[in-house]
C-alpha atoms as a PDB file:
ATOM      1  CA  MET A   1      14.838 -60.770 -44.025  1.00  0.00           C
ATOM      2  CA  THR A   2      13.617 -64.226 -43.041  1.00  0.00           C
ATOM      3  CA  ARG A   3      13.593 -65.633 -39.550  1.00  0.00           C
ATOM      4  CA  ALA A   4      15.174 -68.946 -38.748  1.00  0.00           C
ATOM      5  CA  LEU A   5      12.793 -71.697 -37.813  1.00  0.00           C
ATOM      6  CA  PRO A   6      12.892 -72.969 -34.215  1.00  0.00           C
ATOM      7  CA  ARG A   7      15.095 -75.960 -33.534  1.00  0.00           C
ATOM      8  CA  ASP A   8      14.142 -79.135 -31.692  1.00  0.00           C
ATOM      9  CA  ALA A   9      16.157 -80.729 -28.863  1.00  0.00           C
ATOM     10  CA  ARG A  10      18.563 -82.315 -31.379  1.00  0.00           C
ATOM     11  CA  GLY A  11      19.250 -78.993 -33.081  1.00  0.00           C
ATOM     12  CA  LYS A  12      17.225 -79.809 -36.180  1.00  0.00           C
ATOM     13  CA  GLN A  13      14.933 -77.165 -37.575  1.00  0.00           C
ATOM     14  CA  GLN A  14      11.238 -77.844 -37.133  1.00  0.00           C
ATOM     15  CA  PRO A  15       9.317 -78.265 -40.357  1.00  0.00           C
ATOM     16  CA  ARG A  16       7.633 -75.035 -41.466  1.00  0.00           C
ATOM     17  CA  ASP A  17       4.150 -76.560 -41.022  1.00  0.00           C
ATOM     18  CA  ASP A  18       4.866 -77.374 -37.354  1.00  0.00           C
ATOM     19  CA  HIS A  19       6.183 -73.857 -36.789  1.00  0.00           C
ATOM     20  CA  ARG A  20       3.095 -72.322 -38.392  1.00  0.00           C
ATOM     21  CA  GLU A  21       0.785 -74.551 -36.343  1.00  0.00           C
ATOM     22  CA  GLU A  22       2.557 -73.481 -33.132  1.00  0.00           C
ATOM     23  CA  GLN A  23       2.282 -69.798 -34.081  1.00  0.00           C
ATOM     24  CA  LEU A  24      -1.424 -70.105 -34.887  1.00  0.00           C
ATOM     25  CA  HIS A  25      -2.598 -72.372 -32.091  1.00  0.00           C
ATOM     26  CA  GLY A  26       0.148 -72.828 -29.485  1.00  0.00           C
ATOM     27  CA  GLY A  27      -0.434 -71.679 -25.941  1.00  0.00           C
ATOM     28  CA  TYR A  28      -4.173 -71.016 -26.273  1.00  0.00           C
ATOM     29  CA  ARG A  29      -6.498 -72.000 -23.431  1.00  0.00           C
ATOM     30  CA  PRO A  30     -10.276 -72.208 -23.578  1.00  0.00           C
ATOM     31  CA  VAL A  31     -12.159 -69.574 -21.558  1.00  0.00           C
ATOM     32  CA  ALA A  32     -15.941 -69.616 -21.206  1.00  0.00           C
ATOM     33  CA  CYS A  33     -18.120 -66.559 -20.763  1.00  0.00           C
ATOM     34  CA  GLY A  34     -20.085 -66.848 -17.529  1.00  0.00           C
ATOM     35  CA  ALA A  35     -23.173 -65.276 -19.111  1.00  0.00           C
ATOM     36  CA  CYS A  36     -23.690 -66.852 -22.538  1.00  0.00           C
ATOM     37  CA  THR A  37     -21.252 -69.812 -22.272  1.00  0.00           C
ATOM     38  CA  THR A  38     -19.444 -68.841 -25.496  1.00  0.00           C
ATOM     39  CA  ILE A  39     -16.008 -70.464 -25.387  1.00  0.00           C
ATOM     40  CA  VAL A  40     -13.046 -68.617 -26.901  1.00  0.00           C
ATOM     41  CA  LEU A  41      -9.372 -69.568 -27.066  1.00  0.00           C
ATOM     42  CA  VAL A  42      -7.091 -67.151 -25.208  1.00  0.00           C
ATOM     43  CA  ARG A  43      -3.317 -66.725 -25.194  1.00  0.00           C
ATOM     44  CA  HIS A  44      -1.688 -64.192 -22.882  1.00  0.00           C
ATOM     45  CA  ALA A  45       1.423 -63.308 -24.894  1.00  0.00           C
ATOM     46  CA  SER A  46       2.734 -60.447 -22.737  1.00  0.00           C
ATOM     47  CA  ALA A  47       1.634 -57.848 -20.218  1.00  0.00           C
ATOM     48  CA  LYS A  48       0.219 -55.787 -23.084  1.00  0.00           C
ATOM     49  CA  GLN A  49      -1.054 -58.468 -25.462  1.00  0.00           C
ATOM     50  CA  THR A  50      -3.811 -61.009 -25.092  1.00  0.00           C
ATOM     51  CA  SER A  51      -4.872 -62.863 -28.240  1.00  0.00           C
ATOM     52  CA  ILE A  52      -8.412 -64.193 -28.556  1.00  0.00           C
ATOM     53  CA  GLN A  53      -9.684 -66.631 -31.160  1.00  0.00           C
ATOM     54  CA  TRP A  54     -13.459 -66.670 -31.586  1.00  0.00           C
ATOM     55  CA  PRO A  55     -15.254 -69.754 -32.931  1.00  0.00           C
ATOM     56  CA  ALA A  56     -17.055 -69.225 -36.233  1.00  0.00           C
ATOM     57  CA  ASP A  57     -20.422 -70.020 -34.614  1.00  0.00           C
ATOM     58  CA  ALA A  58     -20.029 -67.642 -31.634  1.00  0.00           C
ATOM     59  CA  ALA A  59     -23.276 -65.873 -30.765  1.00  0.00           C
ATOM     60  CA  CYS A  60     -22.448 -63.467 -27.949  1.00  0.00           C
ATOM     61  CA  PRO A  61     -25.633 -61.487 -27.186  1.00  0.00           C
ATOM     62  CA  GLU A  62     -23.646 -58.499 -25.905  1.00  0.00           C
ATOM     63  CA  LEU A  63     -21.705 -58.229 -29.186  1.00  0.00           C
ATOM     64  CA  LEU A  64     -24.935 -58.398 -31.181  1.00  0.00           C
ATOM     65  CA  ASP A  65     -26.230 -55.289 -29.368  1.00  0.00           C
ATOM     66  CA  ARG A  66     -25.746 -51.742 -30.589  1.00  0.00           C
ATOM     67  CA  GLY A  67     -24.450 -48.823 -28.537  1.00  0.00           C
ATOM     68  CA  ALA A  68     -26.482 -45.681 -27.836  1.00  0.00           C
ATOM     69  CA  ASP A  69     -25.097 -44.156 -31.045  1.00  0.00           C
ATOM     70  CA  GLY A  70     -26.116 -47.209 -33.102  1.00  0.00           C
ATOM     71  CA  ALA A  71     -22.529 -48.415 -33.519  1.00  0.00           C
ATOM     72  CA  PRO A  72     -21.786 -52.108 -32.925  1.00  0.00           C
ATOM     73  CA  VAL A  73     -20.477 -53.067 -29.502  1.00  0.00           C
ATOM     74  CA  ARG A  74     -16.819 -54.067 -29.891  1.00  0.00           C
ATOM     75  CA  ALA A  75     -16.206 -55.881 -26.601  1.00  0.00           C
ATOM     76  CA  CYS A  76     -18.078 -58.180 -24.266  1.00  0.00           C
ATOM     77  CA  THR A  77     -17.562 -56.982 -20.699  1.00  0.00           C
ATOM     78  CA  ARG A  78     -18.579 -60.337 -19.210  1.00  0.00           C
ATOM     79  CA  LEU A  79     -16.151 -62.289 -21.384  1.00  0.00           C
ATOM     80  CA  GLY A  80     -13.457 -59.698 -20.680  1.00  0.00           C
ATOM     81  CA  ALA A  81     -13.934 -60.305 -16.953  1.00  0.00           C
ATOM     82  CA  ALA A  82     -13.709 -64.089 -17.463  1.00  0.00           C
ATOM     83  CA  ILE A  83     -10.470 -63.675 -19.448  1.00  0.00           C
ATOM     84  CA  GLN A  84      -8.950 -61.437 -16.775  1.00  0.00           C
ATOM     85  CA  ALA A  85      -9.903 -63.951 -14.077  1.00  0.00           C
ATOM     86  CA  ALA A  86      -8.355 -66.796 -16.097  1.00  0.00           C
ATOM     87  CA  GLU A  87      -5.085 -64.840 -16.487  1.00  0.00           C
ATOM     88  CA  ARG A  88      -4.618 -64.379 -12.746  1.00  0.00           C
ATOM     89  CA  PRO A  89      -2.224 -66.884 -11.160  1.00  0.00           C
END
């Protein structure tokens, strides 16, 4: 099953490239970590989904650390706090 492409104000379907660009990049806002100043793009899609796009050159010191068991740290608490603050109205 294929989904119909969105339509513009005149009822014409948007070109597939425009639709893909909107899906990949639409609605994202930059959010900076207060500790290391890494800037990520954040889109709050629903109450249960927040999408985060990391830049290729991100160097978050907290994510480079290892946990007590030697496993990589999977979340930056400082950036998480900045994202939550940015999502509040």
